[in-house]
Amino acid sequence: MERDTHELQAILARIEALEKENRRLKRWGLVALVLATALGAIFATQLAPEKITAREFEVVDSSGKTRAQMGLMSGEPGIILYDGQGEQRVELGMLFRESGRTLRESNPGISFTDPRGNALLGMGLTSSGSSWVVLSDQQGFRMNLGTTQTINPATGETRETSAASLVMFGKDGKVIWSAP
């Protein structure tokens, strides 16, 4: 009988210890719930910023390669998209347009390039408000639709065509056909 009483007291002591531990866990659970609710309320009430200011934004893929950039490129605002190998493929922004042998002022435009960096398609506006489209191929031939500057090789005189013009250039950059 004494042995049964001793076992019963041991069981009651274990039950009392478990109940004490259970009460402690309930208190900590309640504290954690209150804390989580308070943090949720704090962060849920924060508004999105009205404005984000930065010099440049970069989007990177899972391997850390830059896939897009937005910022100042050569001092002008623009967006650049890169392929999976990190080569620039699209540029949107204030572009410097090649005209004959010189670069003109920057104007809004978009340029698409091949993996080697050759511009194959471009379009944009001139400072006078005209538009242009340029198609190029891998061999260096180019076709300009819209306002284009051409240089007369004999006189060196520069002439700007109308927006209704089509000019084709050979590999050497010389005009091979134009209309009107």
N, C-alpha and C. Protein backbone atom coordinates (compact mmCIF):
# COMPACT_ATOMS: atom_id res chain seq x y z
N MET A 1 0.82 -1.17 0.00
CA MET A 1 0.00 0.00 0.00
C MET A 1 0.88 1.26 0.00
N GLU A 2 1.97 1.18 0.78
CA GLU A 2 2.87 2.31 0.83
C GLU A 2 3.49 2.58 -0.54
N ARG A 3 3.76 1.50 -1.25
CA ARG A 3 4.33 1.63 -2.60
C ARG A 3 3.34 2.31 -3.53
N ASP A 4 2.05 1.97 -3.45
CA ASP A 4 1.02 2.59 -4.28
C ASP A 4 0.91 4.08 -3.97
N THR A 5 1.00 4.44 -2.72
CA THR A 5 0.92 5.85 -2.31
C THR A 5 2.12 6.62 -2.87
N HIS A 6 3.27 6.01 -2.82
CA HIS A 6 4.48 6.64 -3.33
C HIS A 6 4.37 6.86 -4.85
N GLU A 7 3.87 5.88 -5.60
CA GLU A 7 3.69 5.99 -7.05
C GLU A 7 2.65 7.04 -7.37
N LEU A 8 1.57 7.10 -6.58
CA LEU A 8 0.50 8.07 -6.79
C LEU A 8 1.05 9.49 -6.58
N GLN A 9 1.86 9.68 -5.55
CA GLN A 9 2.45 11.00 -5.30
C GLN A 9 3.39 11.40 -6.43
N ALA A 10 4.13 10.46 -6.97
CA ALA A 10 5.03 10.74 -8.09
C ALA A 10 4.24 11.14 -9.32
N ILE A 11 3.13 10.45 -9.57
CA ILE A 11 2.27 10.78 -10.73
C ILE A 11 1.66 12.16 -10.55
N LEU A 12 1.17 12.45 -9.33
CA LEU A 12 0.57 13.76 -9.07
C LEU A 12 1.61 14.87 -9.23
N ALA A 13 2.85 14.65 -8.81
CA ALA A 13 3.92 15.65 -8.96
C ALA A 13 4.22 15.88 -10.44
N ARG A 14 4.22 14.82 -11.22
CA ARG A 14 4.46 14.96 -12.67
C ARG A 14 3.32 15.72 -13.34
N ILE A 15 2.08 15.41 -12.93
CA ILE A 15 0.92 16.11 -13.50
C ILE A 15 0.99 17.60 -13.15
N GLU A 16 1.32 17.90 -11.90
CA GLU A 16 1.41 19.30 -11.47
C GLU A 16 2.50 20.03 -12.26
N ALA A 17 3.66 19.39 -12.51
CA ALA A 17 4.74 20.00 -13.29
C ALA A 17 4.29 20.23 -14.73
N LEU A 18 3.56 19.27 -15.32
CA LEU A 18 3.05 19.43 -16.69
C LEU A 18 2.05 20.58 -16.77
N GLU A 19 1.15 20.67 -15.77
CA GLU A 19 0.17 21.75 -15.77
C GLU A 19 0.87 23.11 -15.65
N LYS A 20 1.90 23.18 -14.81
CA LYS A 20 2.66 24.42 -14.65
C LYS A 20 3.32 24.81 -15.97
N GLU A 21 3.93 23.84 -16.65
CA GLU A 21 4.57 24.08 -17.96
C GLU A 21 3.53 24.51 -18.99
N ASN A 22 2.36 23.88 -18.96
CA ASN A 22 1.28 24.21 -19.88
C ASN A 22 0.83 25.66 -19.67
N ARG A 23 0.68 26.10 -18.40
CA ARG A 23 0.29 27.48 -18.13
C ARG A 23 1.35 28.45 -18.64
N ARG A 24 2.63 28.13 -18.46
CA ARG A 24 3.72 28.98 -18.93
C ARG A 24 3.69 29.09 -20.47
N LEU A 25 3.49 27.97 -21.15
CA LEU A 25 3.41 27.99 -22.62
C LEU A 25 2.23 28.82 -23.11
N LYS A 26 1.09 28.71 -22.41
CA LYS A 26 -0.08 29.51 -22.78
C LYS A 26 0.21 31.00 -22.66
N ARG A 27 0.90 31.40 -21.58
CA ARG A 27 1.25 32.81 -21.39
C ARG A 27 2.17 33.30 -22.51
N TRP A 28 3.22 32.52 -22.81
CA TRP A 28 4.14 32.92 -23.90
C TRP A 28 3.44 32.94 -25.25
N GLY A 29 2.53 32.01 -25.47
CA GLY A 29 1.75 32.00 -26.71
C GLY A 29 0.90 33.24 -26.83
N LEU A 30 0.29 33.66 -25.72
CA LEU A 30 -0.53 34.87 -25.72
C LEU A 30 0.35 36.10 -25.98
N VAL A 31 1.52 36.17 -25.36
CA VAL A 31 2.44 37.28 -25.59
C VAL A 31 2.85 37.33 -27.07
N ALA A 32 3.18 36.17 -27.63
CA ALA A 32 3.58 36.10 -29.05
C ALA A 32 2.44 36.54 -29.96
N LEU A 33 1.21 36.13 -29.65
CA LEU A 33 0.05 36.52 -30.45
C LEU A 33 -0.17 38.02 -30.39
N VAL A 34 -0.09 38.61 -29.19
CA VAL A 34 -0.26 40.05 -29.04
C VAL A 34 0.84 40.79 -29.81
N LEU A 35 2.08 40.34 -29.68
CA LEU A 35 3.20 40.97 -30.38
C LEU A 35 3.02 40.87 -31.89
N ALA A 36 2.65 39.71 -32.41
CA ALA A 36 2.44 39.53 -33.86
C ALA A 36 1.31 40.43 -34.35
N THR A 37 0.24 40.53 -33.58
CA THR A 37 -0.88 41.38 -33.96
C THR A 37 -0.45 42.85 -33.99
N ALA A 38 0.30 43.27 -32.97
CA ALA A 38 0.77 44.66 -32.92
C ALA A 38 1.68 44.97 -34.11
N LEU A 39 2.64 44.09 -34.40
CA LEU A 39 3.54 44.31 -35.54
C LEU A 39 2.78 44.32 -36.85
N GLY A 40 1.82 43.42 -36.99
CA GLY A 40 1.00 43.40 -38.20
C GLY A 40 0.24 44.70 -38.38
N ALA A 41 -0.31 45.21 -37.30
CA ALA A 41 -1.05 46.47 -37.37
C ALA A 41 -0.13 47.64 -37.72
N ILE A 42 1.07 47.63 -37.15
CA ILE A 42 2.02 48.72 -37.44
C ILE A 42 2.41 48.71 -38.92
N PHE A 43 2.80 47.55 -39.44
CA PHE A 43 3.26 47.49 -40.82
C PHE A 43 2.13 47.59 -41.83
N ALA A 44 0.94 47.18 -41.46
CA ALA A 44 -0.20 47.26 -42.37
C ALA A 44 -0.66 48.70 -42.56
N THR A 45 -0.39 49.55 -41.61
CA THR A 45 -0.84 50.94 -41.72
C THR A 45 0.18 51.84 -42.39
N GLN A 46 1.39 51.35 -42.67
CA GLN A 46 2.39 52.18 -43.35
C GLN A 46 2.00 52.30 -44.82
N LEU A 47 1.97 53.52 -45.31
CA LEU A 47 1.61 53.78 -46.70
C LEU A 47 2.82 53.62 -47.60
N ALA A 48 2.56 53.31 -48.86
CA ALA A 48 3.64 53.24 -49.83
C ALA A 48 4.20 54.64 -50.03
N PRO A 49 5.50 54.75 -50.26
CA PRO A 49 6.07 56.09 -50.43
C PRO A 49 5.50 56.77 -51.67
N GLU A 50 5.33 58.06 -51.59
CA GLU A 50 4.83 58.85 -52.72
C GLU A 50 5.86 58.92 -53.84
N LYS A 51 7.14 58.88 -53.47
CA LYS A 51 8.21 59.06 -54.44
C LYS A 51 9.44 58.30 -53.97
N ILE A 52 10.10 57.65 -54.91
CA ILE A 52 11.37 56.98 -54.63
C ILE A 52 12.42 57.71 -55.46
N THR A 53 13.50 58.12 -54.82
CA THR A 53 14.55 58.84 -55.53
C THR A 53 15.82 58.01 -55.52
N ALA A 54 16.38 57.81 -56.70
CA ALA A 54 17.63 57.07 -56.83
C ALA A 54 18.33 57.52 -58.10
N ARG A 55 19.61 57.27 -58.18
CA ARG A 55 20.35 57.60 -59.40
C ARG A 55 20.20 56.50 -60.44
N GLU A 56 20.00 55.27 -59.99
CA GLU A 56 19.91 54.15 -60.92
C GLU A 56 19.17 53.00 -60.27
N PHE A 57 18.41 52.27 -61.09
CA PHE A 57 17.76 51.04 -60.65
C PHE A 57 18.31 49.90 -61.51
N GLU A 58 18.53 48.75 -60.90
CA GLU A 58 19.00 47.57 -61.61
C GLU A 58 18.11 46.39 -61.27
N VAL A 59 17.75 45.62 -62.30
CA VAL A 59 17.01 44.38 -62.10
C VAL A 59 17.98 43.25 -62.43
N VAL A 60 18.15 42.31 -61.49
CA VAL A 60 19.06 41.20 -61.71
C VAL A 60 18.28 39.89 -61.69
N ASP A 61 18.80 38.88 -62.40
CA ASP A 61 18.15 37.57 -62.40
C ASP A 61 18.63 36.75 -61.20
N SER A 62 18.19 35.51 -61.13
CA SER A 62 18.52 34.66 -59.97
C SER A 62 20.02 34.38 -59.84
N SER A 63 20.78 34.52 -60.94
CA SER A 63 22.22 34.29 -60.86
C SER A 63 23.00 35.58 -60.62
N GLY A 64 22.29 36.70 -60.45
CA GLY A 64 22.94 37.97 -60.15
C GLY A 64 23.32 38.79 -61.37
N LYS A 65 22.98 38.33 -62.58
CA LYS A 65 23.29 39.09 -63.79
C LYS A 65 22.30 40.23 -63.96
N THR A 66 22.82 41.39 -64.37
CA THR A 66 21.96 42.53 -64.64
C THR A 66 21.14 42.25 -65.88
N ARG A 67 19.82 42.38 -65.79
CA ARG A 67 18.93 42.15 -66.93
C ARG A 67 18.26 43.43 -67.39
N ALA A 68 18.20 44.46 -66.52
CA ALA A 68 17.62 45.75 -66.89
C ALA A 68 18.23 46.83 -66.02
N GLN A 69 18.37 48.02 -66.61
CA GLN A 69 18.87 49.18 -65.89
C GLN A 69 18.00 50.38 -66.24
N MET A 70 17.77 51.22 -65.26
CA MET A 70 17.10 52.48 -65.52
C MET A 70 17.89 53.54 -64.78
N GLY A 71 18.27 54.56 -65.51
CA GLY A 71 19.07 55.61 -64.90
C GLY A 71 19.61 56.56 -65.95
N LEU A 72 20.70 57.23 -65.63
CA LEU A 72 21.33 58.13 -66.58
C LEU A 72 22.40 57.39 -67.34
N MET A 73 22.28 57.37 -68.65
CA MET A 73 23.25 56.73 -69.52
C MET A 73 23.90 57.84 -70.34
N SER A 74 25.18 58.06 -70.17
CA SER A 74 25.90 59.16 -70.82
C SER A 74 25.24 60.50 -70.49
N GLY A 75 24.72 60.63 -69.28
CA GLY A 75 24.12 61.87 -68.85
C GLY A 75 22.68 62.07 -69.25
N GLU A 76 22.08 61.12 -69.94
CA GLU A 76 20.70 61.23 -70.41
C GLU A 76 19.87 60.09 -69.80
N PRO A 77 18.58 60.33 -69.51
CA PRO A 77 17.75 59.28 -68.92
C PRO A 77 17.48 58.16 -69.92
N GLY A 78 17.45 56.92 -69.41
CA GLY A 78 17.19 55.80 -70.30
C GLY A 78 16.95 54.50 -69.56
N ILE A 79 16.49 53.52 -70.34
CA ILE A 79 16.27 52.17 -69.86
C ILE A 79 17.01 51.24 -70.80
N ILE A 80 17.78 50.31 -70.24
CA ILE A 80 18.52 49.34 -71.05
C ILE A 80 18.11 47.94 -70.61
N LEU A 81 17.83 47.06 -71.59
CA LEU A 81 17.50 45.66 -71.32
C LEU A 81 18.64 44.79 -71.85
N TYR A 82 19.01 43.76 -71.06
CA TYR A 82 20.12 42.87 -71.42
C TYR A 82 19.59 41.45 -71.62
N ASP A 83 20.26 40.67 -72.48
CA ASP A 83 19.88 39.27 -72.66
C ASP A 83 20.51 38.42 -71.56
N GLY A 84 20.31 37.11 -71.61
CA GLY A 84 20.82 36.20 -70.59
C GLY A 84 22.33 36.14 -70.51
N GLN A 85 23.02 36.55 -71.57
CA GLN A 85 24.49 36.56 -71.57
C GLN A 85 25.04 37.91 -71.13
N GLY A 86 24.16 38.84 -70.76
CA GLY A 86 24.60 40.15 -70.29
C GLY A 86 24.85 41.16 -71.39
N GLU A 87 24.44 40.85 -72.62
CA GLU A 87 24.65 41.77 -73.73
C GLU A 87 23.46 42.73 -73.84
N GLN A 88 23.76 44.00 -74.09
CA GLN A 88 22.70 45.00 -74.26
C GLN A 88 21.91 44.69 -75.52
N ARG A 89 20.59 44.63 -75.41
CA ARG A 89 19.76 44.31 -76.57
C ARG A 89 18.75 45.40 -76.91
N VAL A 90 18.28 46.16 -75.92
CA VAL A 90 17.30 47.23 -76.16
C VAL A 90 17.71 48.45 -75.33
N GLU A 91 17.64 49.62 -75.97
CA GLU A 91 17.87 50.87 -75.26
C GLU A 91 16.73 51.82 -75.58
N LEU A 92 16.13 52.37 -74.55
CA LEU A 92 15.03 53.32 -74.70
C LEU A 92 15.41 54.57 -73.94
N GLY A 93 15.36 55.69 -74.59
CA GLY A 93 15.70 56.92 -73.89
C GLY A 93 16.10 58.02 -74.84
N MET A 94 16.95 58.90 -74.34
CA MET A 94 17.46 60.00 -75.14
C MET A 94 18.70 59.48 -75.87
N LEU A 95 18.55 59.15 -77.15
CA LEU A 95 19.62 58.51 -77.92
C LEU A 95 20.39 59.52 -78.75
N PHE A 96 21.67 59.26 -78.93
CA PHE A 96 22.47 60.01 -79.87
C PHE A 96 22.34 59.32 -81.22
N ARG A 97 21.81 60.02 -82.21
CA ARG A 97 21.57 59.41 -83.51
C ARG A 97 22.74 59.68 -84.43
N GLU A 98 23.25 58.60 -85.02
CA GLU A 98 24.35 58.75 -85.96
C GLU A 98 23.82 59.33 -87.25
N SER A 99 24.54 60.29 -87.78
CA SER A 99 24.13 60.92 -89.02
C SER A 99 25.38 61.16 -89.85
N GLY A 100 25.54 60.37 -90.88
CA GLY A 100 26.76 60.49 -91.67
C GLY A 100 27.95 60.11 -90.82
N ARG A 101 28.87 61.02 -90.63
CA ARG A 101 30.07 60.73 -89.83
C ARG A 101 30.04 61.41 -88.47
N THR A 102 28.96 62.11 -88.14
CA THR A 102 28.91 62.84 -86.88
C THR A 102 27.72 62.38 -86.04
N LEU A 103 27.76 62.69 -84.74
CA LEU A 103 26.63 62.41 -83.86
C LEU A 103 25.90 63.72 -83.61
N ARG A 104 24.58 63.66 -83.74
CA ARG A 104 23.76 64.83 -83.46
C ARG A 104 23.37 64.83 -81.99
N GLU A 105 22.65 65.87 -81.58
CA GLU A 105 22.19 65.94 -80.20
C GLU A 105 21.27 64.77 -79.89
N SER A 106 21.08 64.51 -78.61
CA SER A 106 20.26 63.38 -78.19
C SER A 106 18.78 63.73 -78.29
N ASN A 107 18.00 62.77 -78.69
CA ASN A 107 16.55 62.90 -78.83
C ASN A 107 15.90 61.59 -78.44
N PRO A 108 14.59 61.60 -78.12
CA PRO A 108 13.94 60.36 -77.69
C PRO A 108 13.94 59.30 -78.79
N GLY A 109 14.24 58.07 -78.38
CA GLY A 109 14.25 56.99 -79.35
C GLY A 109 14.38 55.63 -78.68
N ILE A 110 14.34 54.59 -79.52
CA ILE A 110 14.52 53.22 -79.06
C ILE A 110 15.42 52.52 -80.06
N SER A 111 16.30 51.67 -79.56
CA SER A 111 17.25 50.96 -80.41
C SER A 111 17.31 49.49 -80.00
N PHE A 112 17.26 48.60 -80.99
CA PHE A 112 17.37 47.15 -80.77
C PHE A 112 18.67 46.68 -81.38
N THR A 113 19.45 45.90 -80.63
CA THR A 113 20.76 45.45 -81.11
C THR A 113 20.84 43.93 -81.12
N ASP A 114 21.79 43.42 -81.92
CA ASP A 114 22.06 41.99 -81.92
C ASP A 114 23.01 41.67 -80.75
N PRO A 115 23.31 40.39 -80.51
CA PRO A 115 24.18 40.05 -79.37
C PRO A 115 25.58 40.66 -79.43
N ARG A 116 26.03 41.08 -80.63
CA ARG A 116 27.36 41.69 -80.76
C ARG A 116 27.34 43.21 -80.59
N GLY A 117 26.15 43.77 -80.34
CA GLY A 117 26.04 45.21 -80.12
C GLY A 117 25.75 46.02 -81.35
N ASN A 118 25.49 45.37 -82.50
CA ASN A 118 25.15 46.10 -83.72
C ASN A 118 23.69 46.51 -83.69
N ALA A 119 23.42 47.81 -83.85
CA ALA A 119 22.04 48.31 -83.88
C ALA A 119 21.39 47.86 -85.18
N LEU A 120 20.32 47.07 -85.08
CA LEU A 120 19.63 46.56 -86.27
C LEU A 120 18.31 47.25 -86.53
N LEU A 121 17.72 47.85 -85.51
CA LEU A 121 16.45 48.56 -85.67
C LEU A 121 16.44 49.71 -84.69
N GLY A 122 16.09 50.88 -85.18
CA GLY A 122 15.99 52.04 -84.31
C GLY A 122 14.89 52.96 -84.80
N MET A 123 14.31 53.70 -83.88
CA MET A 123 13.32 54.70 -84.26
C MET A 123 13.31 55.79 -83.21
N GLY A 124 12.93 56.99 -83.66
CA GLY A 124 12.91 58.08 -82.71
C GLY A 124 12.48 59.38 -83.34
N LEU A 125 12.75 60.46 -82.62
CA LEU A 125 12.38 61.80 -83.05
C LEU A 125 13.63 62.65 -83.20
N THR A 126 13.54 63.66 -84.07
CA THR A 126 14.63 64.62 -84.22
C THR A 126 14.31 65.85 -83.39
N SER A 127 15.28 66.74 -83.23
CA SER A 127 15.04 67.97 -82.46
C SER A 127 14.04 68.87 -83.15
N SER A 128 13.87 68.72 -84.48
CA SER A 128 12.88 69.55 -85.19
C SER A 128 11.48 68.96 -85.13
N GLY A 129 11.32 67.79 -84.47
CA GLY A 129 9.99 67.20 -84.32
C GLY A 129 9.66 66.16 -85.38
N SER A 130 10.58 65.86 -86.28
CA SER A 130 10.35 64.82 -87.28
C SER A 130 10.68 63.45 -86.68
N SER A 131 10.29 62.41 -87.38
CA SER A 131 10.57 61.06 -86.90
C SER A 131 11.44 60.30 -87.89
N TRP A 132 12.04 59.21 -87.41
CA TRP A 132 12.90 58.39 -88.25
C TRP A 132 12.83 56.94 -87.81
N VAL A 133 13.06 56.04 -88.77
CA VAL A 133 13.17 54.61 -88.51
C VAL A 133 14.38 54.13 -89.29
N VAL A 134 15.24 53.34 -88.65
CA VAL A 134 16.43 52.81 -89.31
C VAL A 134 16.42 51.29 -89.19
N LEU A 135 16.59 50.62 -90.33
CA LEU A 135 16.73 49.17 -90.37
C LEU A 135 18.13 48.86 -90.88
N SER A 136 18.84 47.96 -90.23
CA SER A 136 20.19 47.59 -90.64
C SER A 136 20.30 46.07 -90.69
N ASP A 137 21.34 45.58 -91.35
CA ASP A 137 21.58 44.14 -91.35
C ASP A 137 22.99 43.85 -90.88
N GLN A 138 23.32 42.57 -90.78
CA GLN A 138 24.63 42.14 -90.29
C GLN A 138 25.77 42.55 -91.23
N GLN A 139 25.47 42.75 -92.51
CA GLN A 139 26.52 43.09 -93.47
C GLN A 139 26.86 44.58 -93.48
N GLY A 140 26.05 45.41 -92.81
CA GLY A 140 26.34 46.84 -92.75
C GLY A 140 25.46 47.69 -93.63
N PHE A 141 24.54 47.09 -94.38
CA PHE A 141 23.60 47.87 -95.17
C PHE A 141 22.57 48.49 -94.23
N ARG A 142 22.07 49.68 -94.61
CA ARG A 142 21.13 50.40 -93.75
C ARG A 142 20.07 51.08 -94.59
N MET A 143 18.83 51.12 -94.07
CA MET A 143 17.74 51.82 -94.74
C MET A 143 17.10 52.77 -93.73
N ASN A 144 17.02 54.05 -94.09
CA ASN A 144 16.43 55.06 -93.23
C ASN A 144 15.09 55.50 -93.82
N LEU A 145 14.07 55.47 -93.00
CA LEU A 145 12.75 55.96 -93.39
C LEU A 145 12.48 57.18 -92.54
N GLY A 146 12.15 58.29 -93.19
CA GLY A 146 11.91 59.53 -92.45
C GLY A 146 13.10 60.45 -92.56
N THR A 147 13.17 61.41 -91.67
CA THR A 147 14.21 62.43 -91.72
C THR A 147 15.59 61.80 -91.57
N THR A 148 16.45 62.08 -92.52
CA THR A 148 17.81 61.54 -92.54
C THR A 148 18.77 62.61 -93.02
N GLN A 149 19.95 62.68 -92.43
CA GLN A 149 20.97 63.59 -92.93
C GLN A 149 21.87 62.82 -93.88
N THR A 150 22.09 63.39 -95.04
CA THR A 150 23.03 62.80 -96.01
C THR A 150 24.11 63.83 -96.31
N ILE A 151 25.27 63.32 -96.72
CA ILE A 151 26.40 64.19 -97.04
C ILE A 151 26.76 63.97 -98.50
N ASN A 152 26.83 65.05 -99.26
CA ASN A 152 27.25 64.98 -100.65
C ASN A 152 28.76 64.80 -100.65
N PRO A 153 29.27 63.62 -101.14
CA PRO A 153 30.71 63.36 -101.07
C PRO A 153 31.54 64.36 -101.88
N ALA A 154 30.97 64.90 -102.95
CA ALA A 154 31.73 65.82 -103.80
C ALA A 154 31.90 67.18 -103.13
N THR A 155 30.85 67.66 -102.46
CA THR A 155 30.90 69.01 -101.89
C THR A 155 31.04 69.01 -100.37
N GLY A 156 30.72 67.87 -99.72
CA GLY A 156 30.73 67.81 -98.27
C GLY A 156 29.51 68.46 -97.64
N GLU A 157 28.58 68.89 -98.49
CA GLU A 157 27.37 69.56 -98.01
C GLU A 157 26.44 68.54 -97.34
N THR A 158 25.89 68.94 -96.19
CA THR A 158 24.94 68.09 -95.47
C THR A 158 23.54 68.52 -95.84
N ARG A 159 22.71 67.51 -96.11
CA ARG A 159 21.32 67.77 -96.47
C ARG A 159 20.42 66.89 -95.63
N GLU A 160 19.30 67.45 -95.14
CA GLU A 160 18.34 66.67 -94.37
C GLU A 160 17.15 66.36 -95.25
N THR A 161 16.79 65.08 -95.34
CA THR A 161 15.65 64.68 -96.17
C THR A 161 14.35 64.93 -95.41
N SER A 162 13.25 64.84 -96.12
CA SER A 162 11.93 65.06 -95.49
C SER A 162 11.49 63.79 -94.76
N ALA A 163 10.43 63.90 -94.00
CA ALA A 163 9.89 62.74 -93.27
C ALA A 163 9.31 61.71 -94.24
N ALA A 164 9.05 62.12 -95.48
CA ALA A 164 8.49 61.20 -96.48
C ALA A 164 9.57 60.53 -97.32
N SER A 165 10.81 60.53 -96.86
CA SER A 165 11.90 59.98 -97.67
C SER A 165 12.30 58.58 -97.23
N LEU A 166 12.92 57.89 -98.17
CA LEU A 166 13.50 56.57 -97.92
C LEU A 166 14.91 56.60 -98.51
N VAL A 167 15.92 56.33 -97.69
CA VAL A 167 17.31 56.37 -98.14
C VAL A 167 17.97 55.06 -97.77
N MET A 168 18.66 54.44 -98.74
CA MET A 168 19.39 53.20 -98.49
C MET A 168 20.88 53.47 -98.59
N PHE A 169 21.64 52.94 -97.63
CA PHE A 169 23.08 53.13 -97.55
C PHE A 169 23.78 51.80 -97.74
N GLY A 170 24.94 51.83 -98.42
CA GLY A 170 25.76 50.64 -98.59
C GLY A 170 26.63 50.41 -97.36
N LYS A 171 27.44 49.36 -97.44
CA LYS A 171 28.34 49.02 -96.33
C LYS A 171 29.28 50.16 -95.97
N ASP A 172 29.64 50.97 -96.96
CA ASP A 172 30.58 52.07 -96.75
C ASP A 172 29.90 53.33 -96.22
N GLY A 173 28.58 53.29 -96.01
CA GLY A 173 27.85 54.44 -95.49
C GLY A 173 27.42 55.42 -96.56
N LYS A 174 27.70 55.11 -97.83
CA LYS A 174 27.31 56.01 -98.92
C LYS A 174 25.92 55.64 -99.41
N VAL A 175 25.19 56.66 -99.88
CA VAL A 175 23.83 56.46 -100.39
C VAL A 175 23.89 55.61 -101.65
N ILE A 176 23.09 54.51 -101.69
CA ILE A 176 23.01 53.69 -102.89
C ILE A 176 21.65 53.84 -103.58
N TRP A 177 20.66 54.38 -102.86
CA TRP A 177 19.34 54.62 -103.45
C TRP A 177 18.56 55.53 -102.51
N SER A 178 17.73 56.42 -103.08
CA SER A 178 16.88 57.26 -102.25
C SER A 178 15.65 57.69 -103.01
N ALA A 179 14.60 57.98 -102.27
CA ALA A 179 13.36 58.52 -102.85
C ALA A 179 12.69 59.36 -101.77
N PRO A 180 12.14 60.45 -102.03
CA PRO A 180 12.35 61.31 -103.19
C PRO A 180 13.69 61.98 -103.15
